Amino acid sequence: MYEISLDKDRKLLRVVMTGLWDIQTLDRFEVEREAAVRGAGWRSGEYGYLLDLRGHPVQPRDVSAKGGEYYRTFQPRPRKLALIITSALARMQVTRVIKGMQERFFDNEEAALAWLAEE
């Protein structure tokens, strides 16, 4: 369902999401994501966030709506959010959900990482 990893040298949070989620999965993910970032000692604006959604299809409406609430309020906030999405429908859903971050969409990890590395 998800994998969370940190690259402390590059100050990078990397998340891979897969499959259809329910609210319980989303809630568990948010607790673990926040704990990982806080455990790294990063403050808002100090890290990049790479979110790989290639295996994460369009989600149920309730999951998408609650995910939007989490994205709008989570702390500490990343400096940039790079999203890897290959599905046009999933990209449309995510675009509605994540407003207010410096985000960009990519088709591959290499381009996403290069953008995150830019100042």
N, C-alpha and C. Protein backbone atom coordinates (compact mmCIF):
# COMPACT_ATOMS: atom_id res chain seq x y z
N MET A 1 0.80 -1.19 0.00
CA MET A 1 0.00 0.00 0.00
C MET A 1 0.86 1.27 0.00
N TYR A 2 1.93 1.30 0.81
CA TYR A 2 2.83 2.45 0.78
C TYR A 2 4.18 2.08 1.38
N GLU A 3 5.18 2.84 0.95
CA GLU A 3 6.53 2.70 1.46
C GLU A 3 7.06 4.11 1.69
N ILE A 4 7.55 4.35 2.90
CA ILE A 4 8.09 5.65 3.28
C ILE A 4 9.57 5.47 3.55
N SER A 5 10.40 6.30 2.92
CA SER A 5 11.83 6.25 3.20
C SER A 5 12.39 7.66 3.22
N LEU A 6 13.48 7.82 3.94
CA LEU A 6 14.14 9.11 4.07
C LEU A 6 15.56 9.02 3.53
N ASP A 7 15.97 10.05 2.81
CA ASP A 7 17.36 10.21 2.40
C ASP A 7 17.84 11.45 3.16
N LYS A 8 18.48 11.23 4.30
CA LYS A 8 18.85 12.34 5.17
C LYS A 8 19.94 13.21 4.55
N ASP A 9 20.82 12.63 3.73
CA ASP A 9 21.87 13.42 3.09
C ASP A 9 21.28 14.45 2.12
N ARG A 10 20.27 14.05 1.37
CA ARG A 10 19.63 14.95 0.40
C ARG A 10 18.41 15.66 0.98
N LYS A 11 18.09 15.37 2.24
CA LYS A 11 16.88 15.90 2.88
C LYS A 11 15.68 15.64 1.98
N LEU A 12 15.43 14.35 1.77
CA LEU A 12 14.39 13.92 0.84
C LEU A 12 13.49 12.88 1.50
N LEU A 13 12.20 13.15 1.47
CA LEU A 13 11.18 12.18 1.87
C LEU A 13 10.69 11.53 0.58
N ARG A 14 10.79 10.21 0.51
CA ARG A 14 10.35 9.47 -0.67
C ARG A 14 9.21 8.55 -0.25
N VAL A 15 8.09 8.67 -0.97
CA VAL A 15 6.92 7.85 -0.68
C VAL A 15 6.46 7.19 -1.97
N VAL A 16 6.19 5.89 -1.89
CA VAL A 16 5.60 5.15 -3.00
C VAL A 16 4.24 4.65 -2.51
N MET A 17 3.19 5.00 -3.24
CA MET A 17 1.83 4.55 -2.90
C MET A 17 1.33 3.61 -3.99
N THR A 18 0.63 2.56 -3.57
CA THR A 18 0.05 1.62 -4.52
C THR A 18 -1.35 1.22 -4.07
N GLY A 19 -2.13 0.76 -5.02
CA GLY A 19 -3.44 0.18 -4.73
C GLY A 19 -4.51 1.17 -4.32
N LEU A 20 -5.70 0.62 -4.16
CA LEU A 20 -6.84 1.39 -3.66
C LEU A 20 -6.79 1.44 -2.14
N TRP A 21 -7.03 2.60 -1.60
CA TRP A 21 -6.96 2.80 -0.16
C TRP A 21 -8.35 3.00 0.42
N ASP A 22 -8.43 2.75 1.74
CA ASP A 22 -9.61 3.12 2.50
C ASP A 22 -9.16 4.19 3.51
N ILE A 23 -10.08 4.72 4.26
CA ILE A 23 -9.76 5.78 5.22
C ILE A 23 -8.76 5.31 6.27
N GLN A 24 -8.88 4.07 6.71
CA GLN A 24 -7.97 3.55 7.73
C GLN A 24 -6.53 3.51 7.22
N THR A 25 -6.35 3.12 5.96
CA THR A 25 -5.01 3.10 5.37
C THR A 25 -4.46 4.52 5.28
N LEU A 26 -5.27 5.45 4.84
CA LEU A 26 -4.85 6.84 4.74
C LEU A 26 -4.45 7.39 6.11
N ASP A 27 -5.24 7.13 7.13
CA ASP A 27 -4.94 7.61 8.48
C ASP A 27 -3.62 7.03 8.99
N ARG A 28 -3.41 5.74 8.77
CA ARG A 28 -2.16 5.08 9.18
C ARG A 28 -0.97 5.70 8.47
N PHE A 29 -1.13 5.91 7.16
CA PHE A 29 -0.06 6.52 6.37
C PHE A 29 0.30 7.89 6.92
N GLU A 30 -0.69 8.72 7.20
CA GLU A 30 -0.41 10.08 7.66
C GLU A 30 0.34 10.08 8.99
N VAL A 31 -0.01 9.19 9.89
CA VAL A 31 0.69 9.09 11.17
C VAL A 31 2.15 8.70 10.93
N GLU A 32 2.38 7.72 10.06
CA GLU A 32 3.74 7.26 9.79
C GLU A 32 4.55 8.30 9.01
N ARG A 33 3.93 8.99 8.06
CA ARG A 33 4.64 10.03 7.31
C ARG A 33 5.08 11.16 8.22
N GLU A 34 4.17 11.62 9.05
CA GLU A 34 4.51 12.72 9.96
C GLU A 34 5.60 12.29 10.94
N ALA A 35 5.51 11.08 11.46
CA ALA A 35 6.52 10.60 12.39
C ALA A 35 7.89 10.51 11.72
N ALA A 36 7.93 10.09 10.47
CA ALA A 36 9.20 9.99 9.75
C ALA A 36 9.85 11.36 9.59
N VAL A 37 9.06 12.34 9.17
CA VAL A 37 9.61 13.68 8.95
C VAL A 37 10.04 14.31 10.27
N ARG A 38 9.21 14.20 11.28
CA ARG A 38 9.57 14.77 12.59
C ARG A 38 10.77 14.03 13.17
N GLY A 39 10.84 12.72 12.97
CA GLY A 39 11.97 11.94 13.46
C GLY A 39 13.28 12.34 12.81
N ALA A 40 13.21 12.82 11.57
CA ALA A 40 14.41 13.29 10.87
C ALA A 40 14.84 14.66 11.37
N GLY A 41 13.96 15.33 12.11
CA GLY A 41 14.28 16.65 12.64
C GLY A 41 14.11 17.78 11.63
N TRP A 42 13.41 17.52 10.54
CA TRP A 42 13.23 18.53 9.50
C TRP A 42 12.10 19.48 9.87
N ARG A 43 12.33 20.75 9.56
CA ARG A 43 11.30 21.77 9.76
C ARG A 43 10.70 22.13 8.40
N SER A 44 9.63 22.89 8.44
CA SER A 44 8.98 23.31 7.19
C SER A 44 9.97 24.01 6.27
N GLY A 45 9.93 23.62 5.00
CA GLY A 45 10.80 24.22 4.00
C GLY A 45 12.19 23.64 3.92
N GLU A 46 12.49 22.63 4.72
CA GLU A 46 13.85 22.08 4.76
C GLU A 46 14.04 20.79 3.97
N TYR A 47 13.01 20.24 3.40
CA TYR A 47 13.15 18.95 2.73
C TYR A 47 12.30 18.91 1.47
N GLY A 48 12.69 18.03 0.57
CA GLY A 48 11.91 17.77 -0.63
C GLY A 48 11.07 16.51 -0.43
N TYR A 49 9.97 16.43 -1.15
CA TYR A 49 9.03 15.31 -1.02
C TYR A 49 8.82 14.72 -2.41
N LEU A 50 9.24 13.49 -2.59
CA LEU A 50 9.03 12.76 -3.84
C LEU A 50 7.91 11.76 -3.61
N LEU A 51 6.81 11.94 -4.31
CA LEU A 51 5.63 11.10 -4.15
C LEU A 51 5.38 10.34 -5.44
N ASP A 52 5.62 9.04 -5.40
CA ASP A 52 5.47 8.18 -6.58
C ASP A 52 4.09 7.53 -6.55
N LEU A 53 3.25 7.96 -7.48
CA LEU A 53 1.86 7.48 -7.54
C LEU A 53 1.60 6.62 -8.77
N ARG A 54 2.65 6.10 -9.38
CA ARG A 54 2.46 5.32 -10.61
C ARG A 54 1.60 4.07 -10.39
N GLY A 55 1.63 3.49 -9.21
CA GLY A 55 0.82 2.32 -8.91
C GLY A 55 -0.39 2.62 -8.05
N HIS A 56 -0.76 3.89 -7.99
CA HIS A 56 -1.84 4.35 -7.11
C HIS A 56 -2.96 4.92 -7.99
N PRO A 57 -3.98 4.11 -8.28
CA PRO A 57 -5.02 4.56 -9.20
C PRO A 57 -5.91 5.64 -8.58
N VAL A 58 -6.86 6.12 -9.37
CA VAL A 58 -7.86 7.06 -8.85
C VAL A 58 -8.48 6.44 -7.61
N GLN A 59 -8.60 7.25 -6.55
CA GLN A 59 -9.06 6.76 -5.26
C GLN A 59 -10.54 7.06 -5.04
N PRO A 60 -11.16 6.32 -4.10
CA PRO A 60 -12.55 6.62 -3.76
C PRO A 60 -12.70 8.07 -3.29
N ARG A 61 -13.86 8.63 -3.51
CA ARG A 61 -14.10 10.05 -3.20
C ARG A 61 -13.79 10.41 -1.75
N ASP A 62 -14.18 9.56 -0.79
CA ASP A 62 -13.94 9.88 0.62
C ASP A 62 -12.45 9.89 0.95
N VAL A 63 -11.70 8.98 0.34
CA VAL A 63 -10.25 8.93 0.56
C VAL A 63 -9.59 10.15 -0.05
N SER A 64 -9.99 10.51 -1.24
CA SER A 64 -9.44 11.68 -1.91
C SER A 64 -9.71 12.96 -1.11
N ALA A 65 -10.93 13.11 -0.63
CA ALA A 65 -11.30 14.30 0.12
C ALA A 65 -10.49 14.40 1.42
N LYS A 66 -10.39 13.31 2.14
CA LYS A 66 -9.63 13.35 3.40
C LYS A 66 -8.15 13.52 3.13
N GLY A 67 -7.65 12.92 2.05
CA GLY A 67 -6.26 13.12 1.67
C GLY A 67 -5.97 14.59 1.40
N GLY A 68 -6.92 15.27 0.77
CA GLY A 68 -6.79 16.71 0.53
C GLY A 68 -6.69 17.50 1.81
N GLU A 69 -7.47 17.12 2.81
CA GLU A 69 -7.39 17.79 4.11
C GLU A 69 -6.01 17.60 4.71
N TYR A 70 -5.48 16.39 4.65
CA TYR A 70 -4.15 16.13 5.19
C TYR A 70 -3.09 16.95 4.45
N TYR A 71 -3.14 16.97 3.14
CA TYR A 71 -2.13 17.69 2.36
C TYR A 71 -2.17 19.19 2.62
N ARG A 72 -3.33 19.74 2.84
CA ARG A 72 -3.43 21.18 3.09
C ARG A 72 -2.92 21.57 4.47
N THR A 73 -2.90 20.64 5.41
CA THR A 73 -2.58 21.00 6.79
C THR A 73 -1.33 20.33 7.35
N PHE A 74 -0.72 19.38 6.64
CA PHE A 74 0.34 18.66 7.31
C PHE A 74 1.57 19.52 7.55
N GLN A 75 2.22 19.21 8.66
CA GLN A 75 3.42 19.91 9.11
C GLN A 75 4.47 18.87 9.49
N PRO A 76 5.70 19.16 9.36
CA PRO A 76 6.27 20.30 8.66
C PRO A 76 6.13 20.14 7.15
N ARG A 77 5.95 21.26 6.46
CA ARG A 77 5.70 21.25 5.02
C ARG A 77 7.01 21.11 4.25
N PRO A 78 6.95 20.44 3.10
CA PRO A 78 8.16 20.32 2.28
C PRO A 78 8.46 21.62 1.54
N ARG A 79 9.69 21.75 1.11
CA ARG A 79 10.10 22.88 0.27
C ARG A 79 9.47 22.76 -1.11
N LYS A 80 9.49 21.54 -1.64
CA LYS A 80 8.90 21.22 -2.94
C LYS A 80 8.27 19.84 -2.87
N LEU A 81 7.26 19.62 -3.69
CA LEU A 81 6.60 18.32 -3.80
C LEU A 81 6.65 17.89 -5.26
N ALA A 82 7.36 16.81 -5.55
CA ALA A 82 7.43 16.25 -6.90
C ALA A 82 6.57 15.00 -6.94
N LEU A 83 5.63 14.96 -7.87
CA LEU A 83 4.71 13.84 -7.98
C LEU A 83 4.96 13.11 -9.29
N ILE A 84 5.15 11.81 -9.19
CA ILE A 84 5.31 10.98 -10.38
C ILE A 84 3.97 10.31 -10.62
N ILE A 85 3.31 10.72 -11.70
CA ILE A 85 1.98 10.20 -12.04
C ILE A 85 1.94 9.98 -13.54
N THR A 86 1.52 8.81 -13.95
CA THR A 86 1.43 8.54 -15.39
C THR A 86 -0.02 8.49 -15.87
N SER A 87 -0.97 8.40 -14.97
CA SER A 87 -2.39 8.35 -15.33
C SER A 87 -2.97 9.76 -15.38
N ALA A 88 -3.59 10.10 -16.50
CA ALA A 88 -4.21 11.43 -16.63
C ALA A 88 -5.35 11.61 -15.63
N LEU A 89 -6.13 10.57 -15.40
CA LEU A 89 -7.24 10.68 -14.44
C LEU A 89 -6.73 10.88 -13.02
N ALA A 90 -5.71 10.12 -12.64
CA ALA A 90 -5.14 10.27 -11.30
C ALA A 90 -4.54 11.66 -11.14
N ARG A 91 -3.90 12.17 -12.19
CA ARG A 91 -3.32 13.52 -12.13
C ARG A 91 -4.42 14.56 -11.91
N MET A 92 -5.55 14.41 -12.58
CA MET A 92 -6.66 15.34 -12.39
C MET A 92 -7.17 15.30 -10.95
N GLN A 93 -7.28 14.09 -10.39
CA GLN A 93 -7.75 13.96 -9.01
C GLN A 93 -6.77 14.62 -8.05
N VAL A 94 -5.49 14.36 -8.23
CA VAL A 94 -4.48 14.92 -7.33
C VAL A 94 -4.42 16.44 -7.46
N THR A 95 -4.57 16.95 -8.66
CA THR A 95 -4.54 18.41 -8.87
C THR A 95 -5.62 19.09 -8.05
N ARG A 96 -6.79 18.48 -7.95
CA ARG A 96 -7.87 19.06 -7.15
C ARG A 96 -7.55 19.02 -5.66
N VAL A 97 -6.77 18.03 -5.24
CA VAL A 97 -6.53 17.79 -3.82
C VAL A 97 -5.40 18.63 -3.26
N ILE A 98 -4.32 18.82 -4.00
CA ILE A 98 -3.11 19.43 -3.43
C ILE A 98 -2.93 20.87 -3.88
N LYS A 99 -3.63 21.73 -3.31
CA LYS A 99 -3.47 23.15 -3.63
C LYS A 99 -2.63 23.81 -2.54
N GLY A 100 -1.81 24.75 -2.95
CA GLY A 100 -1.06 25.53 -1.97
C GLY A 100 0.35 25.05 -1.69
N MET A 101 0.83 24.09 -2.43
CA MET A 101 2.21 23.64 -2.29
C MET A 101 2.96 23.98 -3.57
N GLN A 102 4.27 24.05 -3.46
CA GLN A 102 5.06 24.18 -4.68
C GLN A 102 5.24 22.77 -5.21
N GLU A 103 4.36 22.39 -6.14
CA GLU A 103 4.37 21.03 -6.66
C GLU A 103 4.58 21.04 -8.16
N ARG A 104 5.05 19.91 -8.66
CA ARG A 104 5.19 19.72 -10.10
C ARG A 104 5.00 18.24 -10.39
N PHE A 105 4.41 17.94 -11.54
CA PHE A 105 4.14 16.57 -11.96
C PHE A 105 5.23 16.10 -12.91
N PHE A 106 5.56 14.81 -12.79
CA PHE A 106 6.59 14.20 -13.63
C PHE A 106 6.13 12.82 -14.08
N ASP A 107 6.73 12.36 -15.18
CA ASP A 107 6.47 11.02 -15.68
C ASP A 107 7.52 10.02 -15.22
N ASN A 108 8.66 10.53 -14.71
CA ASN A 108 9.74 9.62 -14.29
C ASN A 108 10.48 10.18 -13.09
N GLU A 109 11.14 9.29 -12.39
CA GLU A 109 11.82 9.64 -11.15
C GLU A 109 13.04 10.53 -11.38
N GLU A 110 13.77 10.30 -12.45
CA GLU A 110 14.99 11.06 -12.71
C GLU A 110 14.69 12.56 -12.81
N ALA A 111 13.68 12.91 -13.60
CA ALA A 111 13.30 14.31 -13.77
C ALA A 111 12.80 14.90 -12.45
N ALA A 112 12.04 14.12 -11.71
CA ALA A 112 11.52 14.60 -10.41
C ALA A 112 12.66 14.89 -9.44
N LEU A 113 13.62 13.98 -9.37
CA LEU A 113 14.75 14.18 -8.46
C LEU A 113 15.60 15.39 -8.88
N ALA A 114 15.77 15.58 -10.18
CA ALA A 114 16.55 16.73 -10.66
C ALA A 114 15.86 18.03 -10.25
N TRP A 115 14.55 18.10 -10.39
CA TRP A 115 13.82 19.30 -10.01
C TRP A 115 13.91 19.54 -8.50
N LEU A 116 13.78 18.49 -7.71
CA LEU A 116 13.87 18.64 -6.25
C LEU A 116 15.25 19.13 -5.83
N ALA A 117 16.28 18.78 -6.57
CA ALA A 117 17.65 19.18 -6.23
C ALA A 117 17.93 20.65 -6.56
N GLU A 118 17.13 21.25 -7.43
CA GLU A 118 17.31 22.66 -7.78
C GLU A 118 16.93 23.53 -6.59
N GLU A 119 17.65 24.60 -6.45
CA GLU A 119 17.33 25.56 -5.37
C GLU A 119 16.25 26.45 -5.79
